Amino acid sequence: MIYLFLMLGGGAVNYATYVILIAIVPVVAQHPFLGVGGGSIAGMFINFCASRLFLFKYKRSFDSL
């Protein structure tokens, strides 16, 4: 359930970035796939950071080196 809530944040950033790019950048308004790409990259970054910081926390042990 925690995974779902964390990934919803990335989905919200994805959609918000898409909408903002469509509204502000004329080239993106003419070619919406550019907005999809920008939103996907932003959402992917947020999902990666959320997963790394909150979901998959682990302690690194350097004893095995």
C-alpha atoms as a PDB file:
ATOM      1  CA  MET A   1       0.000   0.000   0.000  1.00  0.00           C
ATOM      2  CA  ILE A   2       2.909   2.346   0.719  1.00  0.00           C
ATOM      3  CA  TYR A   3       4.234   1.685  -2.790  1.00  0.00           C
ATOM      4  CA  LEU A   4       0.923   2.789  -4.311  1.00  0.00           C
ATOM      5  CA  PHE A   5       0.866   6.065  -2.400  1.00  0.00           C
ATOM      6  CA  LEU A   6       4.488   6.850  -3.231  1.00  0.00           C
ATOM      7  CA  MET A   7       3.984   6.158  -6.935  1.00  0.00           C
ATOM      8  CA  LEU A   8       0.833   8.303  -7.019  1.00  0.00           C
ATOM      9  CA  GLY A   9       3.100  11.259  -6.249  1.00  0.00           C
ATOM     10  CA  GLY A  10       5.114  10.522  -9.373  1.00  0.00           C
ATOM     11  CA  GLY A  11       1.929  10.214 -11.404  1.00  0.00           C
ATOM     12  CA  ALA A  12       0.736  13.588 -10.154  1.00  0.00           C
ATOM     13  CA  VAL A  13       4.076  15.194 -11.061  1.00  0.00           C
ATOM     14  CA  ASN A  14       3.911  13.517 -14.467  1.00  0.00           C
ATOM     15  CA  TYR A  15       0.469  14.936 -15.239  1.00  0.00           C
ATOM     16  CA  ALA A  16       1.208  18.375 -13.757  1.00  0.00           C
ATOM     17  CA  THR A  17       4.390  18.700 -15.811  1.00  0.00           C
ATOM     18  CA  TYR A  18       2.505  17.701 -18.962  1.00  0.00           C
ATOM     19  CA  VAL A  19      -0.253  20.260 -18.343  1.00  0.00           C
ATOM     20  CA  ILE A  20       2.205  23.049 -17.524  1.00  0.00           C
ATOM     21  CA  LEU A  21       4.291  22.353 -20.620  1.00  0.00           C
ATOM     22  CA  ILE A  22       1.200  22.291 -22.855  1.00  0.00           C
ATOM     23  CA  ALA A  23      -0.010  25.586 -21.378  1.00  0.00           C
ATOM     24  CA  ILE A  24       3.278  27.499 -21.451  1.00  0.00           C
ATOM     25  CA  VAL A  25       5.415  26.208 -24.341  1.00  0.00           C
ATOM     26  CA  PRO A  26       3.870  26.758 -27.809  1.00  0.00           C
ATOM     27  CA  VAL A  27       5.955  24.037 -29.483  1.00  0.00           C
ATOM     28  CA  VAL A  28       4.734  21.489 -26.942  1.00  0.00           C
ATOM     29  CA  ALA A  29       1.150  22.607 -27.529  1.00  0.00           C
ATOM     30  CA  GLN A  30       1.625  21.837 -31.229  1.00  0.00           C
ATOM     31  CA  HIS A  31       3.402  18.521 -30.536  1.00  0.00           C
ATOM     32  CA  PRO A  32       1.921  17.039 -27.324  1.00  0.00           C
ATOM     33  CA  PHE A  33       4.242  14.020 -27.368  1.00  0.00           C
ATOM     34  CA  LEU A  34       6.994  16.375 -26.168  1.00  0.00           C
ATOM     35  CA  GLY A  35       4.882  17.135 -23.100  1.00  0.00           C
ATOM     36  CA  VAL A  36       4.335  13.438 -22.517  1.00  0.00           C
ATOM     37  CA  GLY A  37       8.093  12.907 -22.648  1.00  0.00           C
ATOM     38  CA  GLY A  38       8.806  15.762 -20.249  1.00  0.00           C
ATOM     39  CA  GLY A  39       6.129  14.602 -17.825  1.00  0.00           C
ATOM     40  CA  SER A  40       7.356  11.025 -17.988  1.00  0.00           C
ATOM     41  CA  ILE A  41      10.915  12.024 -17.180  1.00  0.00           C
ATOM     42  CA  ALA A  42       9.801  14.220 -14.264  1.00  0.00           C
ATOM     43  CA  GLY A  43       7.512  11.504 -12.868  1.00  0.00           C
ATOM     44  CA  MET A  44      10.185   8.848 -13.299  1.00  0.00           C
ATOM     45  CA  PHE A  45      12.665  10.967 -11.352  1.00  0.00           C
ATOM     46  CA  ILE A  46      10.182  11.509  -8.498  1.00  0.00           C
ATOM     47  CA  ASN A  47       9.278   7.812  -8.393  1.00  0.00           C
ATOM     48  CA  PHE A  48      12.941   6.811  -8.320  1.00  0.00           C
ATOM     49  CA  CYS A  49      13.743   9.230  -5.494  1.00  0.00           C
ATOM     50  CA  ALA A  50      10.670   8.220  -3.487  1.00  0.00           C
ATOM     51  CA  SER A  51      11.479   4.531  -3.877  1.00  0.00           C
ATOM     52  CA  ARG A  52      15.107   5.003  -2.954  1.00  0.00           C
ATOM     53  CA  LEU A  53      14.512   7.301   0.021  1.00  0.00           C
ATOM     54  CA  PHE A  54      11.341   5.875   1.558  1.00  0.00           C
ATOM     55  CA  LEU A  55      10.493   2.449   0.175  1.00  0.00           C
ATOM     56  CA  PHE A  56      13.735   0.510  -0.163  1.00  0.00           C
ATOM     57  CA  LYS A  57      15.736   1.774   2.774  1.00  0.00           C
ATOM     58  CA  TYR A  58      18.647  -0.419   3.671  1.00  0.00           C
ATOM     59  CA  LYS A  59      21.932  -0.086   5.450  1.00  0.00           C
ATOM     60  CA  ARG A  60      25.024  -0.696   3.429  1.00  0.00           C
ATOM     61  CA  SER A  61      27.554  -2.919   5.039  1.00  0.00           C
ATOM     62  CA  PHE A  62      31.082  -2.716   3.842  1.00  0.00           C
ATOM     63  CA  ASP A  63      32.133  -5.749   5.842  1.00  0.00           C
ATOM     64  CA  SER A  64      31.622  -8.021   2.849  1.00  0.00           C
ATOM     65  CA  LEU A  65      34.214  -6.177   0.755  1.00  0.00           C
END
